Amino acid sequence: MNSFTAPLAPSSVFLSRLAHVFVVGAFAWLSVFVAPAQAADRERVEAFLQVTGFDVAIESIALSASSAPILLGLEEEDFGLQWTALTKEVFDTEFMHNRALDILEATLDDDSLAHAAAFYASDLGQRLVAVENAAHMGDDEEKELVGGALLADLEANDDPRVDLFKRMTVAIDPEDVGSDAILEIQVRFILAASYAGVVDLRTDEEGLRAALRENAAEMDAEIELSSLRNAAYTYQDFSLEELIEYTEALEDPAMMTVYELMNAVHFEVMANRFQALAVRMGDLQPAQEL
């Protein structure tokens, strides 16, 4: 068993995954959410997932699995060829899709669905969805390098796009609680890994949370930078006028309500799968040298 005392900071890949779908909300929020009087039917919610690209965002959660061993001080290689098969099974795209669909069917009302779908079904909306989908499934190293270079150029030229990217982030996560979501995912994952015997955790849950919070300032800064890099990369081919239109659409209160729900759903699905992964990791045998 691997001795585990101080939790590691999330990897850039892990943060990049979250930065693309600005995860928000408290974990308990979904469990007490009261279904609206006129919840949308499943067929309309399915169409909503596709037109907004949220189906691809949910599917991309699987790409964050590579960061799981790093959060425990381990490497993928420690689990050999079994690791690929395990992550494919745990992060099953159909399961995640249906879980998101179930939650949204119970919580997304017709008016909110119609508002968001109308924007993303427009010509500009569909172009945005296309590049966002591509970025969700793209290479994280490329996004970090290319996006970082693009961001540096924008900042050097005092380009107003940088401020628009920041406004987008605020609109999608107005309470600025993305780091709380990351912390909760880490806590649930590390505790589950400890219970499964994957690591020997030398502290209790309270100590774990305190240790993770020690890096909160650095993590917040990295989340903000990762979000800006992702935005610079994703929206590089859009005009200033188009980005202004998109930003104002995101700042609409109705759209902010939709994103609050989608982010909470994304967080719940991701946390659920990381917990399941931790439990299954306890069944794997360390790779042996031949």
Protein backbone atom coordinates (compact mmCIF):
# COMPACT_ATOMS: atom_id res chain seq x y z
CA MET A 1 0.00 0.00 0.00
CA ASN A 2 1.25 3.45 -0.88
CA SER A 3 1.74 5.70 2.17
CA PHE A 4 -0.11 8.95 1.61
CA THR A 5 0.32 11.88 3.97
CA ALA A 6 -0.03 15.21 2.15
CA PRO A 7 -2.36 15.45 -0.87
CA LEU A 8 -0.85 16.61 -4.11
CA ALA A 9 -2.05 19.63 -6.05
CA PRO A 10 -4.34 18.80 -8.97
CA SER A 11 -2.52 18.31 -12.25
CA SER A 12 -2.81 20.82 -15.08
CA VAL A 13 -4.81 18.23 -17.06
CA PHE A 14 -7.29 17.86 -14.21
CA LEU A 15 -7.64 21.63 -13.89
CA SER A 16 -7.95 22.02 -17.64
CA ARG A 17 -10.87 19.60 -17.70
CA LEU A 18 -12.66 21.64 -15.07
CA ALA A 19 -11.71 24.99 -16.53
CA HIS A 20 -13.54 24.08 -19.73
CA VAL A 21 -16.82 23.47 -17.95
CA PHE A 22 -16.45 25.90 -15.05
CA VAL A 23 -17.63 23.47 -12.39
CA VAL A 24 -19.69 25.11 -9.64
CA GLY A 25 -22.07 24.34 -6.84
CA ALA A 26 -22.05 22.54 -3.52
CA PHE A 27 -22.26 18.74 -3.60
CA ALA A 28 -25.37 18.61 -1.46
CA TRP A 29 -27.17 21.03 -3.76
CA LEU A 30 -28.45 18.42 -6.20
CA SER A 31 -29.72 16.14 -3.45
CA VAL A 32 -32.12 18.81 -2.17
CA PHE A 33 -33.01 20.43 -5.49
CA VAL A 34 -36.77 20.61 -5.86
CA ALA A 35 -38.00 19.57 -9.28
CA PRO A 36 -39.71 22.44 -11.12
CA ALA A 37 -43.43 22.30 -11.67
CA GLN A 38 -42.92 22.07 -15.43
CA ALA A 39 -39.82 19.94 -15.83
CA ALA A 40 -38.74 19.33 -19.40
CA ASP A 41 -39.43 15.91 -20.89
CA ARG A 42 -36.57 13.53 -21.65
CA GLU A 43 -36.69 13.92 -25.42
CA ARG A 44 -36.35 17.70 -25.18
CA VAL A 45 -33.53 17.40 -22.64
CA GLU A 46 -31.72 15.02 -25.00
CA ALA A 47 -32.01 17.58 -27.78
CA PHE A 48 -30.85 20.28 -25.35
CA LEU A 49 -27.69 18.28 -24.57
CA GLN A 50 -26.84 18.02 -28.23
CA VAL A 51 -27.59 21.58 -29.31
CA THR A 52 -25.62 23.09 -26.41
CA GLY A 53 -22.72 20.62 -26.67
CA PHE A 54 -23.19 19.60 -23.04
CA ASP A 55 -23.26 15.96 -24.13
CA VAL A 56 -19.64 16.30 -25.30
CA ALA A 57 -18.69 18.10 -22.09
CA ILE A 58 -20.01 15.15 -20.09
CA GLU A 59 -18.21 12.68 -22.36
CA SER A 60 -14.93 14.57 -21.91
CA ILE A 61 -14.98 13.80 -18.18
CA ALA A 62 -13.42 10.47 -19.13
CA LEU A 63 -10.26 12.29 -20.20
CA SER A 64 -9.66 13.41 -16.62
CA ALA A 65 -9.11 9.80 -15.51
CA SER A 66 -5.41 10.08 -16.35
CA SER A 67 -5.03 12.50 -13.45
CA ALA A 68 -6.51 10.15 -10.86
CA PRO A 69 -3.30 8.27 -9.92
CA ILE A 70 -1.37 11.55 -9.73
CA LEU A 71 -3.76 12.82 -7.07
CA LEU A 72 -2.72 9.82 -4.97
CA GLY A 73 1.01 10.09 -5.61
CA LEU A 74 0.89 7.17 -8.04
CA GLU A 75 1.28 6.69 -11.79
CA GLU A 76 -0.87 4.97 -14.39
CA GLU A 77 2.00 2.55 -14.96
CA ASP A 78 1.57 1.24 -11.40
CA PHE A 79 -1.60 -0.51 -12.57
CA GLY A 80 -0.28 -1.86 -15.87
CA LEU A 81 -2.57 -2.72 -18.76
CA GLN A 82 -5.48 -3.14 -16.37
CA TRP A 83 -5.70 0.64 -15.98
CA THR A 84 -6.96 1.37 -19.50
CA ALA A 85 -9.68 -1.27 -19.27
CA LEU A 86 -10.74 -0.05 -15.84
CA THR A 87 -11.05 3.62 -16.76
CA LYS A 88 -12.97 2.77 -19.91
CA GLU A 89 -15.45 0.77 -17.85
CA VAL A 90 -15.84 3.29 -15.01
CA PHE A 91 -16.02 6.36 -17.25
CA ASP A 92 -18.53 4.72 -19.57
CA THR A 93 -19.87 7.50 -21.78
CA GLU A 94 -23.38 6.06 -22.02
CA PHE A 95 -23.63 5.76 -18.23
CA MET A 96 -22.43 9.34 -17.71
CA HIS A 97 -24.74 10.64 -20.42
CA ASN A 98 -27.77 8.92 -18.92
CA ARG A 99 -26.90 10.10 -15.41
CA ALA A 100 -26.72 13.71 -16.63
CA LEU A 101 -29.94 13.21 -18.56
CA ASP A 102 -31.74 11.85 -15.49
CA ILE A 103 -30.76 14.84 -13.34
CA LEU A 104 -31.55 17.44 -15.96
CA GLU A 105 -34.90 15.84 -16.77
CA ALA A 106 -35.88 16.27 -13.12
CA THR A 107 -34.49 19.78 -12.64
CA LEU A 108 -34.43 21.71 -15.93
CA ASP A 109 -37.62 23.63 -16.61
CA ASP A 110 -39.00 24.29 -20.08
CA ASP A 111 -38.39 28.04 -20.03
CA SER A 112 -34.71 27.72 -19.11
CA LEU A 113 -34.22 24.95 -21.65
CA ALA A 114 -35.84 27.01 -24.40
CA HIS A 115 -33.78 30.10 -23.59
CA ALA A 116 -30.41 28.35 -23.76
CA ALA A 117 -31.36 26.18 -26.74
CA ALA A 118 -32.50 29.22 -28.74
CA PHE A 119 -29.12 30.89 -28.44
CA TYR A 120 -27.03 27.80 -29.13
CA ALA A 121 -29.23 26.83 -32.07
CA SER A 122 -28.39 30.14 -33.79
CA ASP A 123 -25.63 30.37 -36.38
CA LEU A 124 -23.22 31.89 -33.88
CA GLY A 125 -24.28 29.42 -31.20
CA GLN A 126 -23.63 26.42 -33.42
CA ARG A 127 -20.20 27.73 -34.40
CA LEU A 128 -19.40 28.19 -30.73
CA VAL A 129 -20.60 24.68 -29.90
CA ALA A 130 -18.44 23.23 -32.68
CA VAL A 131 -15.22 24.79 -31.38
CA GLU A 132 -16.12 24.12 -27.75
CA ASN A 133 -16.76 20.45 -28.51
CA ALA A 134 -13.44 20.20 -30.33
CA ALA A 135 -11.65 21.86 -27.41
CA HIS A 136 -13.30 19.57 -24.86
CA MET A 137 -11.93 16.51 -26.63
CA GLY A 138 -8.64 18.11 -27.73
CA ASP A 139 -5.11 17.57 -26.53
CA ASP A 140 -4.60 19.31 -23.19
CA GLU A 141 -0.91 19.96 -23.76
CA GLU A 142 -1.64 21.64 -27.08
CA LYS A 143 -4.37 23.77 -25.53
CA GLU A 144 -2.04 24.82 -22.74
CA LEU A 145 0.87 25.70 -25.03
CA VAL A 146 -1.05 27.27 -27.91
CA GLY A 147 -3.61 28.91 -25.64
CA GLY A 148 -0.84 30.27 -23.43
CA ALA A 149 0.94 31.83 -26.40
CA LEU A 150 -2.30 33.33 -27.73
CA LEU A 151 -3.16 34.72 -24.31
CA ALA A 152 0.29 36.27 -23.94
CA ASP A 153 -0.12 38.04 -27.29
CA LEU A 154 -3.57 39.31 -26.34
CA GLU A 155 -2.30 40.63 -23.01
CA ALA A 156 0.76 42.22 -24.61
CA ASN A 157 -1.51 44.11 -27.01
CA ASP A 158 -3.99 45.03 -24.27
CA ASP A 159 -6.65 43.26 -26.31
CA PRO A 160 -10.22 43.63 -24.97
CA ARG A 161 -10.80 39.92 -25.57
CA VAL A 162 -9.00 39.17 -22.30
CA ASP A 163 -11.58 41.14 -20.33
CA LEU A 164 -14.35 39.38 -22.23
CA PHE A 165 -12.88 35.99 -21.29
CA LYS A 166 -12.87 37.09 -17.65
CA ARG A 167 -16.48 38.23 -17.91
CA MET A 168 -17.41 34.86 -19.38
CA THR A 169 -15.83 33.12 -16.40
CA VAL A 170 -17.76 35.28 -13.96
CA ALA A 171 -21.03 34.73 -15.84
CA ILE A 172 -20.62 30.97 -15.79
CA ASP A 173 -19.37 30.86 -12.18
CA PRO A 174 -20.70 34.03 -10.54
CA GLU A 175 -20.08 32.79 -6.99
CA ASP A 176 -16.46 31.85 -7.81
CA VAL A 177 -16.71 28.45 -6.16
CA GLY A 178 -14.91 26.37 -8.77
CA SER A 179 -12.07 25.61 -6.36
CA ASP A 180 -14.61 24.29 -3.81
CA ALA A 181 -15.86 21.83 -6.41
CA ILE A 182 -12.33 20.64 -7.15
CA LEU A 183 -11.62 20.25 -3.44
CA GLU A 184 -14.79 18.20 -2.96
CA ILE A 185 -13.92 15.90 -5.85
CA GLN A 186 -10.44 15.39 -4.42
CA VAL A 187 -11.75 14.69 -0.92
CA ARG A 188 -14.30 12.16 -2.13
CA PHE A 189 -11.76 10.46 -4.37
CA ILE A 190 -8.92 10.30 -1.83
CA LEU A 191 -11.19 9.07 0.98
CA ALA A 192 -12.68 6.40 -1.28
CA ALA A 193 -9.17 5.34 -2.32
CA SER A 194 -8.18 5.12 1.34
CA TYR A 195 -11.22 3.00 2.23
CA ALA A 196 -10.44 0.73 -0.74
CA GLY A 197 -6.89 0.20 0.51
CA VAL A 198 -5.23 1.95 -2.43
CA VAL A 199 -3.41 4.41 -0.17
CA ASP A 200 -2.71 4.69 3.53
CA LEU A 201 -4.15 8.07 4.48
CA ARG A 202 -2.35 9.42 7.55
CA THR A 203 -5.07 11.92 8.48
CA ASP A 204 -8.83 12.12 8.90
CA GLU A 205 -11.29 13.89 6.60
CA GLU A 206 -10.96 17.17 8.48
CA GLY A 207 -7.18 17.04 8.22
CA LEU A 208 -7.42 16.17 4.53
CA ARG A 209 -9.63 19.16 3.81
CA ALA A 210 -7.32 21.45 5.78
CA ALA A 211 -4.30 20.21 3.86
CA LEU A 212 -6.03 20.72 0.53
CA ARG A 213 -7.10 24.23 1.49
CA GLU A 214 -3.47 25.18 2.11
CA ASN A 215 -3.03 25.26 -1.66
CA ALA A 216 -6.32 27.08 -2.31
CA ALA A 217 -4.77 30.39 -3.39
CA GLU A 218 -2.38 28.71 -5.82
CA MET A 219 -5.18 26.54 -7.18
CA ASP A 220 -7.49 29.53 -7.70
CA ALA A 221 -4.74 31.30 -9.64
CA GLU A 222 -4.11 28.21 -11.78
CA ILE A 223 -7.83 27.76 -12.45
CA GLU A 224 -8.11 31.37 -13.62
CA LEU A 225 -5.05 31.07 -15.85
CA SER A 226 -6.19 27.74 -17.25
CA SER A 227 -9.60 29.21 -18.02
CA LEU A 228 -8.05 32.14 -19.88
CA ARG A 229 -5.73 29.85 -21.86
CA ASN A 230 -8.66 27.63 -22.80
CA ALA A 231 -10.74 30.61 -23.87
CA ALA A 232 -7.91 32.10 -25.95
CA TYR A 233 -7.42 28.74 -27.65
CA THR A 234 -11.08 27.91 -28.18
CA TYR A 235 -12.31 31.28 -29.43
CA GLN A 236 -9.26 32.37 -31.44
CA ASP A 237 -11.18 32.52 -34.74
CA PHE A 238 -14.08 34.63 -33.48
CA SER A 239 -14.33 38.36 -33.98
CA LEU A 240 -14.45 40.82 -31.12
CA GLU A 241 -18.08 41.59 -31.95
CA GLU A 242 -19.02 37.91 -31.82
CA LEU A 243 -17.30 37.47 -28.46
CA ILE A 244 -19.13 40.49 -27.09
CA GLU A 245 -22.42 38.97 -28.23
CA TYR A 246 -21.52 35.65 -26.61
CA THR A 247 -20.44 37.29 -23.36
CA GLU A 248 -23.66 39.26 -23.12
CA ALA A 249 -25.65 36.09 -23.80
CA LEU A 250 -23.85 34.32 -20.95
CA GLU A 251 -24.51 37.27 -18.64
CA ASP A 252 -28.25 37.00 -19.15
CA PRO A 253 -29.76 35.86 -15.79
CA ALA A 254 -31.69 33.06 -17.48
CA MET A 255 -28.51 31.69 -19.08
CA MET A 256 -26.63 31.98 -15.79
CA THR A 257 -29.32 29.85 -14.14
CA VAL A 258 -28.92 27.19 -16.83
CA TYR A 259 -25.15 27.14 -16.38
CA GLU A 260 -25.48 26.86 -12.63
CA LEU A 261 -27.50 23.70 -13.14
CA MET A 262 -25.28 22.27 -15.89
CA ASN A 263 -22.16 22.89 -13.82
CA ALA A 264 -23.71 21.19 -10.80
CA VAL A 265 -24.61 18.20 -12.97
CA HIS A 266 -21.11 18.07 -14.45
CA PHE A 267 -19.63 18.15 -10.95
CA GLU A 268 -21.93 15.42 -9.65
CA VAL A 269 -21.17 13.09 -12.57
CA MET A 270 -17.43 13.69 -12.28
CA ALA A 271 -17.34 13.21 -8.50
CA ASN A 272 -19.45 10.06 -8.78
CA ARG A 273 -17.14 8.51 -11.37
CA PHE A 274 -13.97 9.41 -9.43
CA GLN A 275 -15.41 7.75 -6.34
CA ALA A 276 -16.30 4.66 -8.35
CA LEU A 277 -12.80 4.64 -9.84
CA ALA A 278 -11.19 4.76 -6.39
CA VAL A 279 -13.20 1.76 -5.25
CA ARG A 280 -12.28 -0.24 -8.35
CA MET A 281 -8.61 0.70 -8.05
CA GLY A 282 -8.59 -1.30 -4.83
CA ASP A 283 -9.27 -4.44 -6.89
CA LEU A 284 -6.26 -3.96 -9.17
CA GLN A 285 -2.93 -5.61 -8.56
CA PRO A 286 0.26 -3.53 -9.00
CA ALA A 287 2.00 -4.11 -12.32
CA GLN A 288 4.76 -6.69 -12.17
CA GLU A 289 8.02 -6.46 -14.08
CA LEU A 290 8.52 -9.34 -16.44
